[in-house]
Amino acid sequence: MIVRLIRVWVKQDSIAAFEAATKLNHVGSLNEPGVLRFDVLRKPDEPGVYLLYEVYASEQAAEEHKQTEHYQVWKEAVAQMMARARESETLAVVAPTQESGWRAVR
């Protein structure tokens, strides 16, 4: 299992459109068998600052996610909404070690 943290900075005039597009990507992602969690979080005191918290069963599942239609649609849709480039960090899992401890309720 791996965790990816994606930090996103969105232009102020694009917040509503970004959230709409990202919610669609969230739903599509949770339908992928290798996606255990896909949380979309926003900083309450900094409008336009988001964290995508993604947990995958494997590195292969993370790569397969990037090939899905819903991800490609999201990536294209939000490209011009970014105030700056996204930042991604990959983390190794220490606990929980069972998929059931991560899997989002569907």
N, C-alpha and C. Protein backbone atom coordinates (compact mmCIF):
# COMPACT_ATOMS: atom_id res chain seq x y z
N MET A 1 0.84 -1.18 0.00
CA MET A 1 0.00 0.00 0.00
C MET A 1 0.88 1.24 0.00
N ILE A 2 0.39 2.27 -0.66
CA ILE A 2 1.08 3.55 -0.66
C ILE A 2 0.05 4.67 -0.47
N VAL A 3 0.54 5.77 0.06
CA VAL A 3 -0.29 6.96 0.24
C VAL A 3 0.32 8.07 -0.59
N ARG A 4 -0.52 8.79 -1.28
CA ARG A 4 -0.07 9.98 -2.01
C ARG A 4 -0.79 11.19 -1.43
N LEU A 5 -0.02 12.23 -1.15
CA LEU A 5 -0.57 13.51 -0.72
C LEU A 5 -0.33 14.48 -1.86
N ILE A 6 -1.39 15.04 -2.37
CA ILE A 6 -1.30 15.99 -3.48
C ILE A 6 -1.77 17.35 -2.97
N ARG A 7 -0.88 18.32 -2.97
CA ARG A 7 -1.23 19.68 -2.55
C ARG A 7 -1.57 20.48 -3.80
N VAL A 8 -2.71 21.19 -3.71
CA VAL A 8 -3.21 21.93 -4.86
C VAL A 8 -3.55 23.35 -4.43
N TRP A 9 -3.12 24.31 -5.22
CA TRP A 9 -3.46 25.71 -5.01
C TRP A 9 -4.30 26.16 -6.19
N VAL A 10 -5.51 26.63 -5.89
CA VAL A 10 -6.49 26.96 -6.93
C VAL A 10 -6.71 28.47 -6.95
N LYS A 11 -6.84 29.02 -8.15
CA LYS A 11 -7.16 30.44 -8.30
C LYS A 11 -8.51 30.72 -7.64
N GLN A 12 -8.62 31.87 -7.02
CA GLN A 12 -9.83 32.21 -6.27
C GLN A 12 -11.09 32.16 -7.13
N ASP A 13 -11.00 32.57 -8.37
CA ASP A 13 -12.19 32.57 -9.22
C ASP A 13 -12.52 31.19 -9.80
N SER A 14 -11.73 30.19 -9.45
CA SER A 14 -11.95 28.84 -9.97
C SER A 14 -12.33 27.83 -8.89
N ILE A 15 -12.50 28.28 -7.66
CA ILE A 15 -12.74 27.36 -6.55
C ILE A 15 -13.97 26.49 -6.78
N ALA A 16 -15.10 27.07 -7.13
CA ALA A 16 -16.33 26.28 -7.32
C ALA A 16 -16.17 25.26 -8.45
N ALA A 17 -15.60 25.67 -9.55
CA ALA A 17 -15.39 24.76 -10.68
C ALA A 17 -14.40 23.66 -10.32
N PHE A 18 -13.34 24.00 -9.59
CA PHE A 18 -12.37 23.00 -9.16
C PHE A 18 -13.04 21.96 -8.26
N GLU A 19 -13.82 22.42 -7.31
CA GLU A 19 -14.48 21.48 -6.40
C GLU A 19 -15.45 20.57 -7.16
N ALA A 20 -16.19 21.11 -8.10
CA ALA A 20 -17.12 20.29 -8.88
C ALA A 20 -16.37 19.22 -9.67
N ALA A 21 -15.31 19.60 -10.36
CA ALA A 21 -14.53 18.65 -11.15
C ALA A 21 -13.86 17.61 -10.26
N THR A 22 -13.39 18.05 -9.11
CA THR A 22 -12.67 17.15 -8.21
C THR A 22 -13.62 16.16 -7.54
N LYS A 23 -14.84 16.56 -7.28
CA LYS A 23 -15.83 15.63 -6.72
C LYS A 23 -16.13 14.51 -7.73
N LEU A 24 -16.20 14.84 -9.00
CA LEU A 24 -16.40 13.80 -10.02
C LEU A 24 -15.22 12.85 -10.07
N ASN A 25 -14.01 13.38 -9.97
CA ASN A 25 -12.81 12.54 -9.95
C ASN A 25 -12.81 11.65 -8.70
N HIS A 26 -13.24 12.20 -7.59
CA HIS A 26 -13.34 11.44 -6.33
C HIS A 26 -14.24 10.22 -6.50
N VAL A 27 -15.44 10.44 -7.05
CA VAL A 27 -16.40 9.35 -7.24
C VAL A 27 -15.82 8.29 -8.18
N GLY A 28 -15.27 8.72 -9.29
CA GLY A 28 -14.67 7.77 -10.23
C GLY A 28 -13.52 6.99 -9.62
N SER A 29 -12.71 7.67 -8.83
CA SER A 29 -11.55 7.03 -8.21
C SER A 29 -11.98 5.95 -7.23
N LEU A 30 -13.01 6.21 -6.46
CA LEU A 30 -13.47 5.21 -5.48
C LEU A 30 -14.06 3.97 -6.14
N ASN A 31 -14.36 4.05 -7.41
CA ASN A 31 -14.85 2.88 -8.15
C ASN A 31 -13.71 2.02 -8.71
N GLU A 32 -12.48 2.49 -8.59
CA GLU A 32 -11.34 1.70 -9.03
C GLU A 32 -11.00 0.66 -7.96
N PRO A 33 -10.76 -0.60 -8.35
CA PRO A 33 -10.49 -1.64 -7.35
C PRO A 33 -9.23 -1.40 -6.52
N GLY A 34 -8.24 -0.72 -7.07
CA GLY A 34 -7.00 -0.51 -6.36
C GLY A 34 -6.95 0.75 -5.51
N VAL A 35 -8.03 1.54 -5.53
CA VAL A 35 -8.10 2.76 -4.72
C VAL A 35 -8.79 2.42 -3.40
N LEU A 36 -8.07 2.62 -2.31
CA LEU A 36 -8.62 2.31 -1.00
C LEU A 36 -9.24 3.53 -0.34
N ARG A 37 -8.68 4.70 -0.59
CA ARG A 37 -9.24 5.98 -0.10
C ARG A 37 -8.92 7.04 -1.14
N PHE A 38 -9.80 8.04 -1.19
CA PHE A 38 -9.55 9.18 -2.06
C PHE A 38 -10.30 10.35 -1.46
N ASP A 39 -9.64 11.02 -0.53
CA ASP A 39 -10.26 12.11 0.21
C ASP A 39 -9.85 13.45 -0.37
N VAL A 40 -10.80 14.35 -0.45
CA VAL A 40 -10.56 15.70 -0.94
C VAL A 40 -10.77 16.64 0.24
N LEU A 41 -9.71 17.32 0.64
CA LEU A 41 -9.74 18.18 1.82
C LEU A 41 -9.38 19.60 1.44
N ARG A 42 -9.91 20.56 2.20
CA ARG A 42 -9.61 21.96 1.93
C ARG A 42 -9.22 22.63 3.24
N LYS A 43 -8.29 23.56 3.16
CA LYS A 43 -7.89 24.32 4.35
C LYS A 43 -8.96 25.37 4.63
N PRO A 44 -9.56 25.34 5.81
CA PRO A 44 -10.66 26.27 6.10
C PRO A 44 -10.22 27.72 6.20
N ASP A 45 -8.97 27.95 6.54
CA ASP A 45 -8.49 29.32 6.73
C ASP A 45 -7.70 29.85 5.53
N GLU A 46 -7.59 29.04 4.46
CA GLU A 46 -6.87 29.45 3.26
C GLU A 46 -7.67 29.03 2.02
N PRO A 47 -8.61 29.85 1.59
CA PRO A 47 -9.42 29.50 0.42
C PRO A 47 -8.53 29.19 -0.79
N GLY A 48 -8.85 28.09 -1.45
CA GLY A 48 -8.10 27.70 -2.64
C GLY A 48 -6.98 26.73 -2.38
N VAL A 49 -6.75 26.34 -1.12
CA VAL A 49 -5.68 25.40 -0.81
C VAL A 49 -6.32 24.05 -0.45
N TYR A 50 -5.92 23.01 -1.18
CA TYR A 50 -6.51 21.68 -1.05
C TYR A 50 -5.43 20.62 -0.83
N LEU A 51 -5.86 19.51 -0.24
CA LEU A 51 -5.03 18.33 -0.09
C LEU A 51 -5.85 17.15 -0.56
N LEU A 52 -5.32 16.42 -1.53
CA LEU A 52 -5.94 15.17 -1.97
C LEU A 52 -5.17 14.06 -1.26
N TYR A 53 -5.89 13.26 -0.49
CA TYR A 53 -5.30 12.19 0.30
C TYR A 53 -5.71 10.88 -0.36
N GLU A 54 -4.76 10.22 -1.00
CA GLU A 54 -5.06 9.06 -1.83
C GLU A 54 -4.31 7.84 -1.30
N VAL A 55 -5.03 6.73 -1.12
CA VAL A 55 -4.41 5.49 -0.66
C VAL A 55 -4.67 4.43 -1.72
N TYR A 56 -3.59 3.80 -2.17
CA TYR A 56 -3.66 2.79 -3.22
C TYR A 56 -3.18 1.45 -2.69
N ALA A 57 -3.74 0.38 -3.23
CA ALA A 57 -3.33 -0.97 -2.83
C ALA A 57 -1.89 -1.26 -3.24
N SER A 58 -1.42 -0.59 -4.30
CA SER A 58 -0.06 -0.83 -4.80
C SER A 58 0.37 0.35 -5.67
N GLU A 59 1.65 0.35 -6.00
CA GLU A 59 2.17 1.36 -6.92
C GLU A 59 1.50 1.18 -8.29
N GLN A 60 1.26 -0.05 -8.69
CA GLN A 60 0.58 -0.32 -9.96
C GLN A 60 -0.81 0.29 -9.97
N ALA A 61 -1.54 0.17 -8.86
CA ALA A 61 -2.89 0.76 -8.77
C ALA A 61 -2.82 2.28 -8.91
N ALA A 62 -1.80 2.89 -8.33
CA ALA A 62 -1.63 4.34 -8.44
C ALA A 62 -1.36 4.74 -9.89
N GLU A 63 -0.55 3.96 -10.58
CA GLU A 63 -0.26 4.26 -11.98
C GLU A 63 -1.49 4.01 -12.85
N GLU A 64 -2.25 2.96 -12.55
CA GLU A 64 -3.47 2.69 -13.31
C GLU A 64 -4.49 3.81 -13.13
N HIS A 65 -4.52 4.40 -11.95
CA HIS A 65 -5.42 5.53 -11.70
C HIS A 65 -5.16 6.66 -12.69
N LYS A 66 -3.91 6.92 -12.97
CA LYS A 66 -3.56 8.01 -13.87
C LYS A 66 -3.97 7.75 -15.32
N GLN A 67 -4.31 6.50 -15.64
CA GLN A 67 -4.72 6.14 -17.00
C GLN A 67 -6.24 6.16 -17.18
N THR A 68 -6.98 6.35 -16.09
CA THR A 68 -8.44 6.31 -16.19
C THR A 68 -8.98 7.54 -16.90
N GLU A 69 -10.14 7.36 -17.50
CA GLU A 69 -10.77 8.48 -18.21
C GLU A 69 -11.14 9.60 -17.24
N HIS A 70 -11.69 9.24 -16.08
CA HIS A 70 -12.11 10.30 -15.15
C HIS A 70 -10.93 11.12 -14.65
N TYR A 71 -9.77 10.50 -14.46
CA TYR A 71 -8.58 11.26 -14.05
C TYR A 71 -8.12 12.18 -15.18
N GLN A 72 -8.09 11.66 -16.41
CA GLN A 72 -7.66 12.47 -17.55
C GLN A 72 -8.58 13.67 -17.75
N VAL A 73 -9.89 13.46 -17.59
CA VAL A 73 -10.85 14.56 -17.71
C VAL A 73 -10.59 15.58 -16.62
N TRP A 74 -10.39 15.11 -15.38
CA TRP A 74 -10.11 16.02 -14.27
C TRP A 74 -8.83 16.82 -14.53
N LYS A 75 -7.78 16.13 -14.88
CA LYS A 75 -6.47 16.78 -15.09
C LYS A 75 -6.57 17.89 -16.13
N GLU A 76 -7.27 17.63 -17.22
CA GLU A 76 -7.43 18.64 -18.27
C GLU A 76 -8.32 19.78 -17.78
N ALA A 77 -9.40 19.43 -17.09
CA ALA A 77 -10.36 20.45 -16.65
C ALA A 77 -9.74 21.43 -15.66
N VAL A 78 -8.90 20.95 -14.76
CA VAL A 78 -8.39 21.81 -13.69
C VAL A 78 -7.05 22.47 -14.03
N ALA A 79 -6.45 22.11 -15.14
CA ALA A 79 -5.12 22.62 -15.47
C ALA A 79 -5.03 24.16 -15.41
N GLN A 80 -6.02 24.83 -15.96
CA GLN A 80 -5.99 26.30 -15.98
C GLN A 80 -6.50 26.92 -14.69
N MET A 81 -6.96 26.10 -13.77
CA MET A 81 -7.48 26.60 -12.48
C MET A 81 -6.39 26.74 -11.43
N MET A 82 -5.23 26.19 -11.71
CA MET A 82 -4.16 26.15 -10.71
C MET A 82 -3.49 27.51 -10.56
N ALA A 83 -3.32 27.91 -9.31
CA ALA A 83 -2.58 29.14 -9.01
C ALA A 83 -1.08 28.88 -9.06
N ARG A 84 -0.70 27.63 -8.85
CA ARG A 84 0.70 27.20 -8.98
C ARG A 84 0.70 25.69 -9.19
N ALA A 85 1.83 25.14 -9.51
CA ALA A 85 1.92 23.71 -9.82
C ALA A 85 1.58 22.85 -8.60
N ARG A 86 0.88 21.74 -8.86
CA ARG A 86 0.57 20.79 -7.80
C ARG A 86 1.86 20.20 -7.26
N GLU A 87 1.83 19.80 -6.00
CA GLU A 87 2.97 19.10 -5.38
C GLU A 87 2.48 17.76 -4.90
N SER A 88 3.28 16.72 -5.15
CA SER A 88 2.91 15.36 -4.77
C SER A 88 3.99 14.76 -3.88
N GLU A 89 3.54 14.02 -2.90
CA GLU A 89 4.44 13.32 -1.98
C GLU A 89 3.93 11.90 -1.83
N THR A 90 4.83 10.92 -1.90
CA THR A 90 4.47 9.52 -1.72
C THR A 90 5.01 9.05 -0.39
N LEU A 91 4.13 8.36 0.36
CA LEU A 91 4.49 7.87 1.69
C LEU A 91 4.29 6.36 1.76
N ALA A 92 5.16 5.69 2.51
CA ALA A 92 5.00 4.26 2.77
C ALA A 92 4.11 4.09 3.99
N VAL A 93 3.33 3.04 3.99
CA VAL A 93 2.39 2.77 5.07
C VAL A 93 3.07 1.99 6.20
N VAL A 94 2.90 2.47 7.41
CA VAL A 94 3.35 1.78 8.60
C VAL A 94 2.17 1.07 9.26
N ALA A 95 1.06 1.76 9.40
CA ALA A 95 -0.15 1.18 9.98
C ALA A 95 -1.34 2.02 9.52
N PRO A 96 -2.48 1.43 9.27
CA PRO A 96 -2.76 -0.01 9.35
C PRO A 96 -2.19 -0.75 8.16
N THR A 97 -1.91 -2.01 8.33
CA THR A 97 -1.29 -2.81 7.27
C THR A 97 -2.30 -3.64 6.49
N GLN A 98 -3.55 -3.68 6.95
CA GLN A 98 -4.60 -4.42 6.25
C GLN A 98 -5.43 -3.45 5.40
N GLU A 99 -5.79 -3.87 4.20
CA GLU A 99 -6.61 -3.03 3.34
C GLU A 99 -7.89 -2.59 4.01
N SER A 100 -8.48 -3.43 4.83
CA SER A 100 -9.75 -3.10 5.48
C SER A 100 -9.61 -1.88 6.39
N GLY A 101 -8.41 -1.59 6.85
CA GLY A 101 -8.18 -0.42 7.68
C GLY A 101 -8.15 0.88 6.89
N TRP A 102 -8.08 0.76 5.57
CA TRP A 102 -8.00 1.94 4.70
C TRP A 102 -9.21 2.12 3.81
N ARG A 103 -9.81 1.01 3.41
CA ARG A 103 -10.83 1.09 2.36
C ARG A 103 -11.99 1.99 2.74
N ALA A 104 -12.28 2.91 1.83
CA ALA A 104 -13.42 3.81 2.03
C ALA A 104 -14.71 3.03 1.88
N VAL A 105 -15.70 3.39 2.62
CA VAL A 105 -17.00 2.76 2.49
C VAL A 105 -17.61 3.20 1.18
N ARG A 106 -18.07 2.24 0.40
CA ARG A 106 -18.64 2.56 -0.92
C ARG A 106 -20.11 2.31 -0.92
